[in-house]
N, C-alpha and C. Protein backbone atom coordinates (compact mmCIF):
# COMPACT_ATOMS: atom_id res chain seq x y z
N UNK A 1 0.87 -1.12 0.21
CA UNK A 1 -0.01 0.18 0.18
C UNK A 1 0.80 1.23 -0.04
N UNK A 2 0.64 2.16 -0.90
CA UNK A 2 1.38 3.54 -0.85
C UNK A 2 0.80 4.39 0.25
N UNK A 3 1.73 4.85 1.08
CA UNK A 3 1.44 5.53 2.24
C UNK A 3 1.84 6.92 2.13
N UNK A 4 1.78 7.50 1.22
CA UNK A 4 1.94 9.06 0.90
C UNK A 4 0.88 9.89 1.58
N UNK A 5 1.26 10.92 1.69
CA UNK A 5 0.32 12.13 2.32
C UNK A 5 -0.85 12.06 1.66
N UNK A 6 -1.20 12.42 0.24
CA UNK A 6 -2.37 12.32 -0.26
C UNK A 6 -3.02 11.03 -0.16
N UNK A 7 -2.49 9.98 -0.05
CA UNK A 7 -3.27 8.78 0.03
C UNK A 7 -3.65 8.65 1.39
N UNK A 8 -2.84 8.99 2.48
CA UNK A 8 -3.40 9.08 3.81
C UNK A 8 -4.49 9.83 4.06
N UNK A 9 -4.57 11.16 3.57
CA UNK A 9 -5.85 11.78 3.31
C UNK A 9 -6.78 11.23 2.87
N UNK A 10 -6.83 10.57 1.77
CA UNK A 10 -7.97 9.73 1.16
C UNK A 10 -8.46 8.73 2.13
N UNK A 11 -7.51 7.70 2.96
CA UNK A 11 -8.05 6.88 3.56
C UNK A 11 -8.69 7.49 4.59
N UNK A 12 -8.21 8.84 5.15
CA UNK A 12 -8.81 9.49 6.41
C UNK A 12 -10.53 10.01 6.00
N UNK A 13 -10.45 10.36 4.66
CA UNK A 13 -11.95 10.76 4.18
C UNK A 13 -12.70 9.40 4.25
N UNK A 14 -12.23 8.25 3.91
CA UNK A 14 -13.01 7.01 4.17
C UNK A 14 -13.52 6.83 5.61
N UNK A 15 -12.37 7.06 6.28
CA UNK A 15 -12.75 6.84 7.80
C UNK A 15 -13.65 7.73 8.35
N UNK A 16 -13.94 8.94 7.87
CA UNK A 16 -14.61 9.70 8.20
C UNK A 16 -16.12 9.49 7.93
N UNK A 17 -16.56 8.55 6.89
CA UNK A 17 -17.95 8.37 6.59
C UNK A 17 -18.52 7.61 7.67
N UNK A 18 -18.09 6.77 8.42
CA UNK A 18 -18.86 6.13 9.54
C UNK A 18 -19.15 7.24 10.47
N UNK A 19 -18.13 8.05 10.70
CA UNK A 19 -18.45 9.35 11.63
C UNK A 19 -19.58 10.40 11.41
N UNK A 20 -19.66 10.47 9.84
CA UNK A 20 -20.87 11.33 9.47
C UNK A 20 -22.22 10.61 9.96
N UNK A 21 -22.25 9.23 9.65
CA UNK A 21 -23.33 8.40 10.02
C UNK A 21 -23.94 8.55 11.34
N UNK A 22 -22.67 8.46 12.40
CA UNK A 22 -22.97 8.23 13.55
C UNK A 22 -23.47 9.78 14.21
N UNK A 23 -22.75 10.65 13.75
CA UNK A 23 -23.01 12.02 14.06
C UNK A 23 -24.57 12.40 13.50
N UNK A 24 -25.04 12.04 12.32
CA UNK A 24 -26.22 12.33 11.83
C UNK A 24 -27.19 11.69 12.71
N UNK A 25 -27.06 10.51 13.01
CA UNK A 25 -28.09 9.85 14.06
C UNK A 25 -28.13 9.99 15.61
N UNK A 26 -27.05 10.73 16.00
CA UNK A 26 -26.92 11.15 17.32
C UNK A 26 -28.10 12.13 17.86
N UNK A 27 -28.46 11.47 19.01
CA UNK A 27 -29.76 12.24 19.41
C UNK A 27 -29.39 13.74 20.06
N UNK A 28 -29.23 14.63 19.44
CA UNK A 28 -28.69 15.75 19.60
C UNK A 28 -29.23 16.91 18.70
N UNK A 29 -29.46 18.14 19.21
CA UNK A 29 -30.16 19.16 18.37
C UNK A 29 -28.95 19.65 17.38
N UNK A 30 -27.55 19.20 17.77
CA UNK A 30 -26.63 19.57 16.97
C UNK A 30 -26.17 18.40 15.86
N UNK A 31 -26.87 17.48 15.87
CA UNK A 31 -26.43 16.22 15.00
C UNK A 31 -26.36 16.82 13.62
N UNK A 32 -27.31 17.53 13.22
CA UNK A 32 -27.04 17.64 11.75
C UNK A 32 -25.74 18.80 11.28
N UNK A 33 -25.68 19.59 12.31
CA UNK A 33 -24.44 20.70 11.97
C UNK A 33 -23.25 19.82 12.08
N UNK A 34 -23.37 18.93 12.97
CA UNK A 34 -21.87 18.10 13.12
C UNK A 34 -21.43 17.28 12.07
N UNK A 35 -22.73 16.63 11.70
CA UNK A 35 -22.42 15.61 10.38
C UNK A 35 -22.23 16.78 9.21
N UNK A 36 -22.50 17.72 9.04
CA UNK A 36 -22.27 18.65 7.95
C UNK A 36 -20.84 19.03 8.08
N UNK A 37 -20.49 19.33 9.20
CA UNK A 37 -19.20 19.82 9.50
C UNK A 37 -18.06 18.60 9.32
N UNK A 38 -18.31 17.27 9.60
CA UNK A 38 -17.43 16.33 9.16
C UNK A 38 -17.41 16.12 7.59
N UNK A 39 -18.90 16.24 7.10
CA UNK A 39 -18.74 16.03 5.77
C UNK A 39 -17.97 17.20 4.87
N UNK A 40 -17.64 18.40 5.48
CA UNK A 40 -17.01 19.29 4.87
C UNK A 40 -15.69 19.03 5.02
N UNK A 41 -15.27 18.49 6.27
CA UNK A 41 -13.80 18.37 6.65
C UNK A 41 -13.53 17.36 5.72
N UNK A 42 -14.33 16.14 5.33
CA UNK A 42 -14.04 15.07 4.36
C UNK A 42 -13.67 15.60 2.96
N UNK A 43 -14.54 16.81 2.65
CA UNK A 43 -14.32 17.37 1.18
C UNK A 43 -13.30 18.17 1.06
N UNK A 44 -12.80 18.72 2.08
CA UNK A 44 -11.74 19.56 2.18
C UNK A 44 -10.32 18.42 1.88
N UNK A 45 -10.60 17.39 2.49
CA UNK A 45 -9.38 16.33 2.37
C UNK A 45 -9.28 15.86 0.85
N UNK A 46 -10.65 16.05 -0.03
CA UNK A 46 -10.53 15.66 -1.37
C UNK A 46 -9.71 16.60 -1.84
N UNK A 47 -9.97 17.94 -1.61
CA UNK A 47 -9.22 18.88 -2.44
C UNK A 47 -7.78 18.95 -2.04
N UNK A 48 -7.47 18.59 -0.81
CA UNK A 48 -6.07 18.64 -0.35
C UNK A 48 -5.24 17.44 -0.71
N UNK A 49 -5.95 16.43 -0.77
CA UNK A 49 -5.27 15.37 -1.26
C UNK A 49 -4.63 15.26 -2.79
N UNK A 50 -5.55 15.97 -3.66
CA UNK A 50 -5.05 16.35 -5.16
C UNK A 50 -4.13 17.30 -4.97
N UNK A 51 -4.23 18.47 -4.42
CA UNK A 51 -3.12 19.16 -4.42
C UNK A 51 -1.93 19.05 -3.90
N UNK A 52 -1.84 18.16 -2.95
CA UNK A 52 -0.67 17.72 -2.17
C UNK A 52 0.03 16.74 -3.28
N UNK A 53 -0.92 15.91 -3.78
CA UNK A 53 -0.14 14.91 -4.63
C UNK A 53 0.36 15.43 -5.94
N UNK A 54 -0.13 16.43 -6.47
CA UNK A 54 0.58 17.18 -7.67
C UNK A 54 1.56 18.16 -7.13
N UNK A 55 1.58 18.75 -5.80
CA UNK A 55 2.95 19.65 -5.39
C UNK A 55 3.80 18.86 -5.01
N UNK A 56 3.77 17.81 -4.26
CA UNK A 56 4.58 16.89 -3.85
C UNK A 56 5.19 15.92 -4.72
N UNK A 57 4.55 16.05 -5.93
CA UNK A 57 4.77 14.78 -6.89
C UNK A 57 4.45 13.54 -6.10
N UNK A 58 3.59 13.31 -5.62
CA UNK A 58 3.29 12.28 -5.10
C UNK A 58 2.04 11.26 -5.74
N UNK A 59 1.96 11.36 -6.93
CA UNK A 59 0.64 11.00 -7.52
C UNK A 59 0.89 9.51 -7.82
N UNK A 60 0.07 8.68 -7.72
CA UNK A 60 0.28 7.28 -7.89
C UNK A 60 -0.99 6.70 -8.60
N UNK A 61 -0.97 5.46 -9.21
CA UNK A 61 -1.96 4.66 -9.76
C UNK A 61 -3.06 4.35 -8.55
N UNK A 62 -2.39 3.84 -7.48
CA UNK A 62 -3.36 3.58 -6.31
C UNK A 62 -4.11 4.95 -6.20
N UNK A 63 -3.60 5.95 -5.78
CA UNK A 63 -4.13 7.20 -5.49
C UNK A 63 -5.48 7.62 -6.42
N UNK A 64 -5.01 7.43 -7.70
CA UNK A 64 -5.85 7.87 -8.77
C UNK A 64 -7.37 6.77 -8.74
N UNK A 65 -6.99 5.76 -8.19
CA UNK A 65 -7.99 4.66 -8.08
C UNK A 65 -9.04 4.96 -6.81
N UNK A 66 -8.23 5.19 -5.83
CA UNK A 66 -8.86 5.34 -4.33
C UNK A 66 -9.68 6.51 -4.14
N UNK A 67 -9.03 7.65 -4.63
CA UNK A 67 -9.54 9.20 -4.41
C UNK A 67 -11.13 8.96 -4.96
N UNK A 68 -11.42 8.68 -6.27
CA UNK A 68 -12.81 8.86 -6.60
C UNK A 68 -13.55 7.97 -5.96
N UNK A 69 -13.28 6.70 -5.60
CA UNK A 69 -13.71 5.66 -4.82
C UNK A 69 -14.26 6.39 -3.37
N UNK A 70 -13.33 6.91 -2.94
CA UNK A 70 -13.61 7.61 -1.48
C UNK A 70 -14.86 8.79 -1.89
N UNK A 71 -14.79 9.47 -2.80
CA UNK A 71 -15.67 10.35 -2.92
C UNK A 71 -17.08 9.82 -3.24
N UNK A 72 -17.16 8.71 -3.92
CA UNK A 72 -18.60 8.16 -4.34
C UNK A 72 -18.93 7.63 -3.01
N UNK A 73 -18.30 6.78 -2.40
CA UNK A 73 -18.52 6.31 -0.87
C UNK A 73 -19.30 7.31 -0.08
N UNK A 74 -18.47 8.60 -0.07
CA UNK A 74 -18.82 9.74 0.94
C UNK A 74 -20.30 10.35 0.50
N UNK A 75 -20.48 10.50 -1.00
CA UNK A 75 -21.56 11.30 -1.52
C UNK A 75 -22.78 10.07 -1.36
N UNK A 76 -22.62 8.86 -1.68
CA UNK A 76 -23.59 7.83 -1.77
C UNK A 76 -24.32 7.74 -0.29
N UNK A 77 -23.15 7.52 0.86
CA UNK A 77 -23.83 7.47 2.11
C UNK A 77 -24.31 8.78 2.60
N UNK A 78 -23.97 9.83 2.29
CA UNK A 78 -24.67 10.99 2.64
C UNK A 78 -26.06 11.28 1.91
N UNK A 79 -26.11 10.79 0.81
CA UNK A 79 -27.47 10.76 0.24
C UNK A 79 -28.43 9.74 0.88
N UNK A 80 -27.84 8.59 0.99
CA UNK A 80 -29.09 7.62 1.72
C UNK A 80 -29.19 8.05 3.04
N UNK A 81 -28.63 8.85 3.95
CA UNK A 81 -29.04 9.37 5.17
C UNK A 81 -29.96 10.41 4.73
N UNK A 82 -29.81 11.32 3.82
CA UNK A 82 -30.96 12.40 3.51
C UNK A 82 -32.13 11.69 3.13
N UNK A 83 -32.20 10.94 2.04
CA UNK A 83 -33.38 10.08 1.81
C UNK A 83 -34.35 9.70 2.69
N UNK A 84 -33.22 8.78 3.81
CA UNK A 84 -33.93 8.32 4.97
C UNK A 84 -34.48 9.27 5.84
N UNK A 85 -34.13 10.53 5.84
CA UNK A 85 -34.49 11.51 6.88
C UNK A 85 -35.57 12.24 6.22
N UNK A 86 -35.44 13.00 4.98
CA UNK A 86 -36.23 13.95 4.38
C UNK A 86 -37.27 13.00 3.43
N UNK A 87 -36.95 11.86 2.97
CA UNK A 87 -37.95 11.19 1.99
C UNK A 87 -38.40 11.90 0.92
N UNK A 88 -39.53 11.74 0.20
CA UNK A 88 -40.04 12.14 -0.95
C UNK A 88 -39.47 11.66 -2.24
N UNK A 89 -40.21 11.95 -3.19
CA UNK A 89 -40.19 11.56 -4.58
C UNK A 89 -38.92 11.97 -5.11
N UNK A 90 -38.96 13.51 -5.05
CA UNK A 90 -37.95 14.38 -6.05
C UNK A 90 -36.42 13.92 -5.19
N UNK A 91 -36.45 14.01 -4.00
CA UNK A 91 -35.19 13.63 -3.31
C UNK A 91 -34.54 12.31 -3.56
N UNK A 92 -35.54 11.38 -3.45
CA UNK A 92 -35.19 10.14 -3.93
C UNK A 92 -34.80 9.65 -5.63
N UNK A 93 -35.26 10.42 -6.13
CA UNK A 93 -35.02 10.40 -7.83
C UNK A 93 -33.78 11.08 -7.79
N UNK A 94 -33.55 12.21 -7.20
CA UNK A 94 -32.25 13.02 -7.37
C UNK A 94 -31.00 12.17 -6.97
N UNK A 95 -31.25 11.43 -5.62
CA UNK A 95 -30.20 10.65 -5.28
C UNK A 95 -30.09 9.49 -6.07
N UNK A 96 -30.97 8.99 -6.54
CA UNK A 96 -30.84 7.67 -7.50
C UNK A 96 -29.92 8.11 -8.56
N UNK A 97 -30.18 9.18 -9.20
CA UNK A 97 -29.80 9.63 -10.54
C UNK A 97 -28.22 9.92 -10.19
N UNK A 98 -27.96 10.77 -9.10
CA UNK A 98 -26.62 10.96 -8.71
C UNK A 98 -25.75 9.52 -8.73
N UNK A 99 -26.24 8.76 -7.85
CA UNK A 99 -25.36 7.49 -7.42
C UNK A 99 -25.60 6.54 -8.63
N UNK A 100 -26.30 6.66 -9.51
CA UNK A 100 -26.61 5.72 -10.62
C UNK A 100 -25.63 6.46 -11.75
N UNK A 101 -25.40 7.58 -11.93
CA UNK A 101 -24.42 8.23 -12.73
C UNK A 101 -23.10 8.05 -12.16
N UNK A 102 -22.78 7.97 -11.01
CA UNK A 102 -21.42 7.66 -10.64
C UNK A 102 -21.05 6.38 -10.74
N UNK A 103 -22.10 5.39 -10.68
CA UNK A 103 -21.60 4.04 -11.20
C UNK A 103 -21.46 3.95 -12.47
N UNK A 104 -22.32 4.52 -13.37
CA UNK A 104 -22.34 4.37 -14.76
C UNK A 104 -20.89 4.90 -15.14
N UNK A 105 -20.56 6.11 -14.90
CA UNK A 105 -19.44 6.61 -15.36
C UNK A 105 -18.17 5.97 -14.95
N UNK A 106 -18.08 5.40 -13.52
CA UNK A 106 -17.00 4.85 -13.24
C UNK A 106 -16.81 3.42 -14.15
N UNK A 107 -17.92 2.97 -14.41
CA UNK A 107 -17.59 1.77 -15.17
C UNK A 107 -17.48 2.19 -16.58
N UNK A 108 -17.86 3.14 -17.19
CA UNK A 108 -17.44 3.73 -18.57
C UNK A 108 -15.96 3.98 -18.41
N UNK A 109 -15.43 4.60 -17.51
CA UNK A 109 -14.01 5.08 -17.50
C UNK A 109 -13.24 3.74 -17.30
N UNK A 110 -13.48 2.88 -16.48
CA UNK A 110 -12.55 1.55 -16.47
C UNK A 110 -12.71 0.89 -18.12
N UNK A 111 -13.87 0.88 -18.54
CA UNK A 111 -14.08 0.22 -19.87
C UNK A 111 -13.28 0.70 -20.77
N UNK A 112 -13.29 2.15 -20.79
CA UNK A 112 -12.40 3.01 -22.04
C UNK A 112 -10.93 2.91 -21.65
N UNK A 113 -10.61 2.77 -20.26
CA UNK A 113 -9.13 2.51 -19.83
C UNK A 113 -8.68 1.10 -20.60
N UNK A 114 -9.55 -0.09 -20.39
CA UNK A 114 -9.28 -0.90 -20.89
C UNK A 114 -9.01 -1.03 -22.61
N UNK A 115 -9.75 -0.17 -23.31
CA UNK A 115 -9.47 -0.06 -24.64
C UNK A 115 -8.50 0.96 -24.93
N UNK A 116 -7.90 1.45 -23.82
CA UNK A 116 -6.82 2.44 -24.10
C UNK A 116 -7.04 3.96 -24.43
N UNK A 117 -8.48 4.15 -23.77
CA UNK A 117 -9.18 5.33 -24.36
C UNK A 117 -9.53 6.26 -23.37
N UNK A 118 -8.74 6.06 -22.12
CA UNK A 118 -9.14 6.69 -20.83
C UNK A 118 -9.27 8.29 -20.76
N UNK A 119 -8.26 8.77 -21.55
CA UNK A 119 -8.37 10.39 -21.84
C UNK A 119 -9.69 10.91 -22.40
N UNK A 120 -10.41 10.09 -22.97
CA UNK A 120 -11.55 10.65 -23.72
C UNK A 120 -12.78 10.91 -22.61
N UNK A 121 -12.72 10.07 -21.50
CA UNK A 121 -13.68 10.33 -20.54
C UNK A 121 -12.98 10.96 -19.19
N UNK A 122 -11.95 11.56 -19.40
CA UNK A 122 -11.40 12.64 -18.18
C UNK A 122 -12.47 13.41 -17.68
N UNK A 123 -12.12 13.79 -16.25
CA UNK A 123 -13.07 14.77 -15.60
C UNK A 123 -13.19 16.03 -16.45
N UNK A 124 -14.45 16.59 -16.75
CA UNK A 124 -14.64 17.81 -17.40
C UNK A 124 -14.97 18.82 -16.57
N UNK A 125 -15.16 19.85 -17.27
CA UNK A 125 -15.48 21.28 -16.38
C UNK A 125 -16.99 21.15 -15.77
N UNK A 126 -17.72 20.58 -16.56
CA UNK A 126 -19.16 20.30 -16.19
C UNK A 126 -19.29 19.29 -14.92
N UNK A 127 -18.39 18.41 -14.84
CA UNK A 127 -18.34 17.48 -14.04
C UNK A 127 -17.84 18.08 -12.58
N UNK A 128 -17.07 19.08 -12.72
CA UNK A 128 -16.38 19.75 -11.52
C UNK A 128 -17.70 20.70 -10.95
N UNK A 129 -18.43 21.21 -12.06
CA UNK A 129 -19.53 22.20 -11.61
C UNK A 129 -20.51 21.44 -10.86
N UNK A 130 -20.96 20.11 -11.56
CA UNK A 130 -21.81 19.41 -10.94
C UNK A 130 -21.33 18.94 -9.45
N UNK A 131 -20.23 18.42 -9.33
CA UNK A 131 -19.66 17.93 -7.85
C UNK A 131 -19.70 19.08 -6.97
N UNK A 132 -19.42 20.29 -7.29
CA UNK A 132 -19.40 21.49 -6.42
C UNK A 132 -20.88 21.74 -5.82
N UNK A 133 -21.62 21.74 -6.77
CA UNK A 133 -23.19 21.95 -6.55
C UNK A 133 -23.69 21.00 -5.57
N UNK A 134 -23.28 19.66 -5.96
CA UNK A 134 -23.82 18.51 -5.12
C UNK A 134 -23.30 18.41 -3.82
N UNK A 135 -21.79 18.97 -3.46
CA UNK A 135 -21.16 18.90 -2.26
C UNK A 135 -21.77 19.99 -1.44
N UNK A 136 -22.05 21.43 -1.94
CA UNK A 136 -22.68 22.25 -1.24
C UNK A 136 -23.82 22.00 -0.77
N UNK A 137 -24.68 21.32 -1.83
CA UNK A 137 -26.31 20.80 -1.40
C UNK A 137 -26.22 19.88 -0.33
N UNK A 138 -25.50 18.74 -0.39
CA UNK A 138 -25.24 17.95 0.57
C UNK A 138 -24.96 18.54 2.13
N UNK A 139 -24.02 19.42 1.73
CA UNK A 139 -23.63 20.16 3.16
C UNK A 139 -24.80 20.77 3.86
N UNK A 140 -25.53 21.73 3.05
CA UNK A 140 -26.81 22.38 3.48
C UNK A 140 -27.98 21.56 3.92
N UNK A 141 -27.99 20.27 3.17
CA UNK A 141 -29.18 19.47 3.80
C UNK A 141 -28.66 18.68 4.99
N UNK A 142 -27.48 18.21 5.16
CA UNK A 142 -27.11 17.64 6.39
C UNK A 142 -27.01 18.66 7.47
N UNK A 143 -26.86 20.03 7.28
CA UNK A 143 -26.87 20.92 8.40
C UNK A 143 -28.43 21.05 8.84
N UNK A 144 -29.29 20.88 7.90
CA UNK A 144 -30.79 21.27 8.23
C UNK A 144 -31.20 22.27 7.60
N UNK A 145 -30.88 22.41 6.39
CA UNK A 145 -31.15 23.83 5.56
C UNK A 145 -31.84 23.14 4.17
N UNK A 146 -33.11 22.62 4.10
CA UNK A 146 -33.62 21.98 3.02
C UNK A 146 -34.05 23.23 2.05
N UNK A 147 -34.46 24.29 2.42
CA UNK A 147 -35.10 25.25 1.51
C UNK A 147 -33.92 25.51 0.52
N UNK A 148 -32.75 25.65 0.95
CA UNK A 148 -31.74 25.94 0.21
C UNK A 148 -30.93 24.90 -0.71
N UNK A 149 -30.99 23.72 0.28
CA UNK A 149 -30.20 22.49 -0.15
C UNK A 149 -30.96 21.71 -1.20
N UNK A 150 -32.14 21.78 -0.85
CA UNK A 150 -33.07 20.86 -2.09
C UNK A 150 -32.91 21.41 -3.39
N UNK A 151 -33.36 22.69 -3.68
CA UNK A 151 -33.25 23.16 -5.08
C UNK A 151 -31.81 22.91 -5.84
N UNK A 152 -30.68 23.09 -4.82
CA UNK A 152 -29.14 22.94 -5.24
C UNK A 152 -29.20 21.70 -5.75
N UNK A 153 -29.57 20.53 -4.93
CA UNK A 153 -29.58 19.07 -5.24
C UNK A 153 -30.09 18.68 -6.47
N UNK A 154 -31.29 19.35 -6.71
CA UNK A 154 -32.18 19.00 -7.96
C UNK A 154 -31.19 19.68 -8.89
N UNK A 155 -30.68 20.89 -8.83
CA UNK A 155 -29.77 21.51 -9.98
C UNK A 155 -28.74 20.47 -10.21
N UNK A 156 -27.94 20.01 -9.08
CA UNK A 156 -26.97 19.11 -9.30
C UNK A 156 -27.35 17.76 -10.01
N UNK A 157 -28.41 17.23 -9.88
CA UNK A 157 -28.94 16.08 -10.38
C UNK A 157 -29.24 16.44 -11.95
N UNK A 158 -29.54 17.55 -12.27
CA UNK A 158 -29.76 17.95 -13.78
C UNK A 158 -28.46 17.72 -14.29
N UNK A 159 -27.45 18.47 -13.84
CA UNK A 159 -25.91 18.61 -14.04
C UNK A 159 -25.57 17.22 -14.28
N UNK A 160 -25.97 16.23 -13.38
CA UNK A 160 -25.22 15.18 -13.44
C UNK A 160 -25.87 14.22 -14.63
N UNK A 161 -27.00 14.35 -15.02
CA UNK A 161 -27.52 13.89 -16.27
C UNK A 161 -26.84 14.60 -17.36
N UNK A 162 -26.68 15.79 -17.53
CA UNK A 162 -26.12 16.44 -18.43
C UNK A 162 -24.50 15.94 -18.55
N UNK A 163 -23.74 15.81 -17.62
CA UNK A 163 -22.60 15.52 -17.63
C UNK A 163 -22.54 13.94 -18.22
N UNK A 164 -23.29 12.95 -17.70
CA UNK A 164 -23.30 11.63 -18.11
C UNK A 164 -23.62 11.62 -19.57
N UNK A 165 -24.37 12.47 -20.17
CA UNK A 165 -24.74 12.41 -21.68
C UNK A 165 -23.44 12.92 -22.21
N UNK A 166 -22.84 13.89 -21.66
CA UNK A 166 -21.45 14.34 -22.33
C UNK A 166 -20.44 13.31 -22.39
N UNK A 167 -20.10 12.55 -21.32
CA UNK A 167 -19.48 11.76 -20.99
C UNK A 167 -19.72 10.32 -22.22
N UNK A 168 -21.09 10.06 -22.23
CA UNK A 168 -21.38 8.86 -23.03
C UNK A 168 -20.92 9.22 -24.54
N UNK A 169 -21.51 10.62 -24.86
CA UNK A 169 -21.26 11.00 -26.12
C UNK A 169 -19.56 11.08 -26.48
N UNK A 170 -18.90 11.54 -25.73
CA UNK A 170 -17.38 11.57 -25.92
C UNK A 170 -16.64 10.10 -26.15
N UNK A 171 -17.34 9.22 -25.31
CA UNK A 171 -16.93 7.75 -25.29
C UNK A 171 -17.49 7.02 -26.65
N UNK A 172 -18.72 7.36 -26.98
CA UNK A 172 -19.03 7.08 -28.55
C UNK A 172 -18.13 7.44 -29.67
N UNK A 173 -17.78 8.52 -29.60
CA UNK A 173 -16.89 9.60 -30.69
C UNK A 173 -15.68 9.00 -30.67
N UNK A 174 -14.98 8.57 -29.37
CA UNK A 174 -13.89 8.09 -29.24
C UNK A 174 -13.49 6.74 -29.74
N UNK A 175 -14.32 5.65 -29.69
CA UNK A 175 -14.27 4.48 -30.39
C UNK A 175 -14.01 4.43 -31.81
N UNK A 176 -13.34 3.47 -32.22
CA UNK A 176 -12.67 3.58 -33.57
C UNK A 176 -14.14 3.28 -34.46
N UNK A 177 -14.07 3.92 -35.65
CA UNK A 177 -15.37 3.83 -36.59
C UNK A 177 -15.52 2.57 -37.06
N UNK A 178 -16.85 2.28 -36.83
CA UNK A 178 -17.34 0.90 -37.26
C UNK A 178 -17.51 -0.17 -36.08
N UNK A 179 -16.89 0.34 -34.77
CA UNK A 179 -17.17 -0.72 -33.70
C UNK A 179 -18.45 -0.30 -33.04
N UNK A 180 -19.20 -1.23 -32.58
CA UNK A 180 -20.41 -1.19 -31.85
C UNK A 180 -20.18 -0.51 -30.56
N UNK A 181 -20.75 0.28 -30.03
CA UNK A 181 -20.30 0.96 -28.69
C UNK A 181 -20.94 -0.12 -27.71
N UNK A 182 -21.98 -0.70 -28.07
CA UNK A 182 -22.49 -1.58 -26.84
C UNK A 182 -22.03 -3.17 -27.00
N UNK A 183 -21.77 -3.57 -28.02
CA UNK A 183 -21.23 -5.03 -28.19
C UNK A 183 -19.69 -5.13 -28.18
N UNK A 184 -19.09 -3.99 -28.66
CA UNK A 184 -17.59 -4.25 -28.97
C UNK A 184 -17.36 -4.95 -30.16
N UNK A 185 -18.45 -5.17 -31.23
CA UNK A 185 -18.16 -5.89 -32.38
C UNK A 185 -18.01 -4.90 -33.32
N UNK A 186 -17.13 -5.20 -34.58
CA UNK A 186 -17.21 -4.16 -35.82
C UNK A 186 -18.34 -4.73 -36.55
């Protein structure tokens, strides 16, 4: 295992996930703000591990694998907590769209990497905007501010669909002419 500072920060983000859950369900009026604070701390480690990996020249294939896994685990866990607490059709659909897209795009990236085409589905600016909106929305919802958090999460779900469409379109264009995108046959 690579124990560079960036990878240790990523492991810390994963370790914070159970603390978010415990804080969220803790019987206190401060449960939401504490869970939101832990979520924010985990989000900051995401930015910091990437920054340090580049700054200290400590990038690694393992880190490139683990970082998005940690992000997806953190977001999926927080969305499940919020659906449990707030419920409702729109929130459930938004959570399903966000989690489903993360799974689909992760699989697409893995598949494109196997084909030697990983650069085609690299993170785009729309993905960064989607992630920012999603993280702020989740933070606000965990804190207990649904009036602002829910519309932002719905906007993030819309950006999620848009970014997924763009990734799928890029992957389709990136394949060699005459190759069937879905069967791999010519």
